[in-house]
């Protein structure tokens, strides 16, 4: 109803999830070959260009669906309880997807030894923080509405 700062937090949460789709999570150089992992797959740099070694279609689809759910949550401002519940769902699903990503990263040739974590590895943490801040803003709006109703 009042919908101030939580829209910004939810937009930032959906933006960080979108950046997770674009940014690499882990890079590694093994036997003079560069590998990197995005949520869409494992890529290898070759002399002719970039080769997709393995695809992660289910992970990519899950991240995309969570991004759309987070963005759609902005527009549920008329129903604050639903918006808070969706924030909780987004946080739980982001934690689950973080665990899934940590399992997927293990497919790097030679394991994670010597691998570099890139910006994509930290995007789920930012998503959780932004969604928590949105949840807190929604709760504050509810308290403000309740206190205004008591004054009437």
Protein backbone atom coordinates (compact mmCIF):
# COMPACT_ATOMS: atom_id res chain seq x y z
CA UNK A 1 0.00 0.00 0.00
CA UNK A 2 2.62 2.54 1.00
CA UNK A 3 5.32 0.73 -0.99
CA UNK A 4 8.39 2.85 -0.72
CA UNK A 5 11.82 1.41 -0.32
CA UNK A 6 10.90 -2.27 -0.61
CA UNK A 7 10.27 -1.85 -4.33
CA UNK A 8 13.84 -0.70 -4.73
CA UNK A 9 15.16 -3.62 -2.65
CA UNK A 10 13.13 -6.13 -4.66
CA UNK A 11 14.30 -4.57 -7.91
CA UNK A 12 17.92 -4.80 -6.74
CA UNK A 13 17.36 -8.44 -5.75
CA UNK A 14 16.00 -9.26 -9.20
CA UNK A 15 18.85 -7.32 -10.80
CA UNK A 16 21.46 -9.32 -8.88
CA UNK A 17 19.78 -12.55 -9.96
CA UNK A 18 19.85 -11.34 -13.56
CA UNK A 19 23.54 -10.51 -13.19
CA UNK A 20 24.06 -14.06 -11.94
CA UNK A 21 22.89 -15.24 -15.35
CA UNK A 22 25.42 -13.02 -17.13
CA UNK A 23 28.50 -13.03 -14.90
CA UNK A 24 30.88 -15.98 -14.57
CA UNK A 25 30.90 -17.78 -11.24
CA UNK A 26 34.29 -19.49 -11.31
CA UNK A 27 37.26 -19.38 -13.70
CA UNK A 28 40.22 -21.71 -13.82
CA UNK A 29 43.28 -22.27 -15.99
CA UNK A 30 44.14 -25.97 -16.28
CA UNK A 31 46.85 -27.28 -18.66
CA UNK A 32 47.00 -23.92 -20.50
CA UNK A 33 43.25 -24.06 -21.12
CA UNK A 34 40.90 -21.53 -19.58
CA UNK A 35 37.59 -22.78 -18.20
CA UNK A 36 34.75 -20.78 -16.70
CA UNK A 37 31.35 -21.59 -15.33
CA UNK A 38 28.19 -19.59 -15.90
CA UNK A 39 24.75 -20.76 -14.76
CA UNK A 40 24.16 -21.74 -18.38
CA UNK A 41 27.11 -24.11 -18.58
CA UNK A 42 30.83 -24.91 -18.49
CA UNK A 43 32.80 -23.05 -21.14
CA UNK A 44 36.30 -23.58 -22.51
CA UNK A 45 38.44 -21.09 -24.39
CA UNK A 46 39.74 -22.63 -27.59
CA UNK A 47 41.88 -21.28 -30.41
CA UNK A 48 38.83 -20.86 -32.63
CA UNK A 49 36.68 -19.24 -29.94
CA UNK A 50 34.58 -20.36 -27.03
CA UNK A 51 33.30 -23.92 -26.70
CA UNK A 52 30.41 -24.91 -24.45
CA UNK A 53 31.61 -28.12 -22.83
CA UNK A 54 28.55 -28.86 -20.71
CA UNK A 55 25.16 -27.17 -20.38
CA UNK A 56 23.19 -26.57 -17.20
CA UNK A 57 19.70 -26.05 -18.63
CA UNK A 58 17.81 -26.84 -15.43
CA UNK A 59 19.96 -24.48 -13.35
CA UNK A 60 19.61 -21.73 -15.93
CA UNK A 61 15.83 -22.15 -16.05
CA UNK A 62 15.58 -22.14 -12.26
CA UNK A 63 17.60 -18.92 -11.95
CA UNK A 64 15.51 -17.31 -14.68
CA UNK A 65 12.25 -18.33 -12.97
CA UNK A 66 13.49 -17.01 -9.62
CA UNK A 67 14.49 -13.73 -11.28
CA UNK A 68 11.00 -13.35 -12.74
CA UNK A 69 9.36 -14.27 -9.41
CA UNK A 70 11.42 -11.66 -7.59
CA UNK A 71 10.60 -9.01 -10.17
CA UNK A 72 6.89 -9.92 -10.13
CA UNK A 73 6.91 -9.61 -6.34
CA UNK A 74 7.31 -5.84 -6.76
CA UNK A 75 3.80 -5.66 -8.21
CA UNK A 76 2.09 -7.51 -5.34
CA UNK A 77 2.23 -4.40 -3.17
CA UNK A 78 -1.53 -4.40 -2.56
CA UNK A 79 -1.28 -7.66 -0.65
CA UNK A 80 1.49 -7.22 1.92
CA UNK A 81 1.14 -10.69 3.45
CA UNK A 82 1.57 -12.31 0.03
CA UNK A 83 4.52 -10.06 -0.66
CA UNK A 84 6.19 -11.06 2.62
CA UNK A 85 5.56 -14.74 1.91
CA UNK A 86 7.05 -14.40 -1.56
CA UNK A 87 10.09 -12.72 -0.03
CA UNK A 88 10.51 -15.72 2.27
CA UNK A 89 10.14 -18.09 -0.70
CA UNK A 90 12.74 -16.12 -2.68
CA UNK A 91 15.21 -16.31 0.21
CA UNK A 92 14.70 -20.06 0.65
CA UNK A 93 14.98 -20.73 -3.10
CA UNK A 94 18.10 -18.55 -3.35
CA UNK A 95 19.76 -20.57 -0.57
CA UNK A 96 18.77 -23.81 -2.34
CA UNK A 97 20.10 -22.53 -5.66
CA UNK A 98 23.34 -21.47 -3.99
CA UNK A 99 23.80 -25.02 -2.76
CA UNK A 100 22.98 -26.32 -6.24
CA UNK A 101 25.52 -23.93 -7.79
CA UNK A 102 28.18 -25.07 -5.33
CA UNK A 103 27.55 -28.65 -6.47
CA UNK A 104 27.65 -27.70 -10.15
CA UNK A 105 30.98 -25.89 -9.74
CA UNK A 106 32.58 -29.23 -8.88
CA UNK A 107 32.52 -30.23 -12.59
CA UNK A 108 35.54 -28.04 -13.33
CA UNK A 109 38.39 -30.12 -14.73
CA UNK A 110 40.82 -30.73 -11.89
CA UNK A 111 38.36 -29.60 -9.22
CA UNK A 112 38.31 -26.25 -7.47
CA UNK A 113 42.01 -26.14 -6.59
CA UNK A 114 43.49 -23.06 -8.19
CA UNK A 115 40.10 -21.70 -9.27
CA UNK A 116 39.15 -18.04 -8.94
CA UNK A 117 35.73 -17.02 -7.69
CA UNK A 118 34.25 -14.20 -9.75
CA UNK A 119 31.47 -11.69 -9.14
CA UNK A 120 28.77 -14.23 -10.02
CA UNK A 121 29.66 -16.27 -6.96
CA UNK A 122 28.59 -13.44 -4.65
CA UNK A 123 25.31 -12.51 -6.36
CA UNK A 124 23.14 -14.99 -4.36
CA UNK A 125 24.41 -13.43 -1.13
CA UNK A 126 23.42 -9.97 -2.35
CA UNK A 127 20.03 -11.31 -3.44
CA UNK A 128 19.38 -12.69 0.04
CA UNK A 129 20.40 -9.39 1.65
CA UNK A 130 18.23 -7.28 -0.67
CA UNK A 131 15.23 -9.57 -0.24
CA UNK A 132 15.62 -9.50 3.54
CA UNK A 133 15.73 -5.69 3.45
CA UNK A 134 12.56 -5.67 1.32
CA UNK A 135 10.86 -7.99 3.82
CA UNK A 136 11.83 -5.66 6.63
CA UNK A 137 10.42 -2.66 4.73
CA UNK A 138 7.12 -4.46 4.14
CA UNK A 139 6.91 -5.33 7.83
CA UNK A 140 7.53 -1.69 8.79
CA UNK A 141 4.75 -0.59 6.44
CA UNK A 142 2.38 -3.07 8.08
CA UNK A 143 3.25 -1.72 11.50
CA UNK A 144 2.68 1.84 10.28
CA UNK A 145 -0.74 0.93 8.91
CA UNK A 146 -1.70 -0.83 12.16
CA UNK A 147 -0.64 2.15 14.25
CA UNK A 148 -2.62 4.51 12.01
CA UNK A 149 -5.69 2.26 12.34
CA UNK A 150 -5.40 2.41 16.13
CA UNK A 151 -5.49 6.19 16.04
CA UNK A 152 -8.82 6.20 14.20
